[in-house]
Amino acid sequence: MTLGKTLWRCRRGARELDALLHPYVKAYYEEFSVAQRVTLNQLLACPDPDLLDWFLNRTQPESPSLAVLVNDISQFNRRER
């Protein structure tokens, strides 16, 4: 999937998710390995309520690779603010 299509998929129903996902993907997508892109696509396929719970540290994804990605996105956004 191209960067443009992936950025489009980062547009969510919740603005908070847009603000977390879009800058991270824009900064790192081109450097991602195929495996990282697959994990990102899995994350973007998840429902917004699950994503909000994960980013607000209410719950953790069952998938270890998704948990790592959620943590990376959270860390990126803490550094950028």
Protein backbone atom coordinates (compact mmCIF):
# COMPACT_ATOMS: atom_id res chain seq x y z
CA MET A 1 0.00 0.00 0.00
CA THR A 2 1.29 3.49 -0.80
CA LEU A 3 1.99 6.21 1.72
CA GLY A 4 -0.96 8.24 0.45
CA LYS A 5 -3.42 5.37 0.88
CA THR A 6 -2.03 4.58 4.31
CA LEU A 7 -2.34 8.21 5.40
CA TRP A 8 -5.93 8.17 4.18
CA ARG A 9 -6.58 5.10 6.35
CA CYS A 10 -5.15 7.03 9.32
CA ARG A 11 -8.16 9.35 9.12
CA ARG A 12 -10.36 8.01 11.86
CA GLY A 13 -13.65 8.90 13.50
CA ALA A 14 -11.82 10.25 16.54
CA ARG A 15 -9.61 13.31 16.10
CA GLU A 16 -7.33 12.06 18.85
CA LEU A 17 -6.46 9.06 16.71
CA ASP A 18 -5.86 11.23 13.65
CA ALA A 19 -3.44 13.34 15.69
CA LEU A 20 -1.55 10.24 16.87
CA LEU A 21 -1.44 8.19 13.69
CA HIS A 22 -0.94 10.69 10.88
CA PRO A 23 2.34 12.32 12.06
CA TYR A 24 3.86 8.95 12.98
CA VAL A 25 3.03 7.33 9.65
CA LYS A 26 4.18 10.39 7.71
CA ALA A 27 7.51 10.36 9.55
CA TYR A 28 8.31 6.64 9.35
CA TYR A 29 6.29 4.84 6.67
CA GLU A 30 8.92 5.03 3.94
CA GLU A 31 11.50 3.43 6.28
CA PHE A 32 9.21 0.58 7.37
CA SER A 33 10.02 -3.00 6.47
CA VAL A 34 7.35 -5.16 4.85
CA ALA A 35 6.61 -6.71 8.25
CA GLN A 36 6.17 -3.29 9.86
CA ARG A 37 3.79 -2.24 7.09
CA VAL A 38 1.77 -5.40 7.59
CA THR A 39 1.53 -4.66 11.32
CA LEU A 40 0.50 -1.06 10.62
CA ASN A 41 -2.25 -2.29 8.29
CA GLN A 42 -3.44 -4.67 11.00
CA LEU A 43 -3.56 -1.75 13.44
CA LEU A 44 -5.49 0.41 10.99
CA ALA A 45 -8.03 -2.39 10.55
CA CYS A 46 -8.90 -2.29 14.26
CA PRO A 47 -11.97 -0.42 15.49
CA ASP A 48 -11.52 3.07 16.90
CA PRO A 49 -12.69 2.13 20.44
CA ASP A 50 -9.94 -0.51 20.65
CA LEU A 51 -7.33 1.93 19.40
CA LEU A 52 -8.41 4.56 21.91
CA ASP A 53 -8.21 2.04 24.75
CA TRP A 54 -4.72 1.03 23.69
CA PHE A 55 -3.40 4.56 23.27
CA LEU A 56 -4.94 5.65 26.57
CA ASN A 57 -3.33 2.63 28.28
CA ARG A 58 -6.67 1.19 29.34
CA THR A 59 -5.88 -2.15 27.69
CA GLN A 60 -3.13 -3.69 25.57
CA PRO A 61 -3.42 -5.40 22.19
CA GLU A 62 -3.24 -9.19 22.38
CA SER A 63 -0.81 -9.26 19.48
CA PRO A 64 2.77 -8.55 20.60
CA SER A 65 3.58 -6.85 17.30
CA LEU A 66 0.57 -4.53 17.66
CA ALA A 67 1.57 -3.78 21.25
CA VAL A 68 5.06 -2.76 20.08
CA LEU A 69 3.60 -0.52 17.37
CA VAL A 70 1.15 1.15 19.77
CA ASN A 71 4.04 1.81 22.15
CA ASP A 72 6.19 3.22 19.32
CA ILE A 73 3.41 5.56 18.20
CA SER A 74 2.81 6.70 21.78
CA GLN A 75 6.52 7.33 22.36
CA PHE A 76 6.83 9.24 19.08
CA ASN A 77 3.95 11.52 20.01
CA ARG A 78 5.37 12.18 23.49
CA ARG A 79 8.68 13.25 21.93
CA GLU A 80 7.03 15.49 19.35
CA ARG A 81 5.00 17.51 21.86
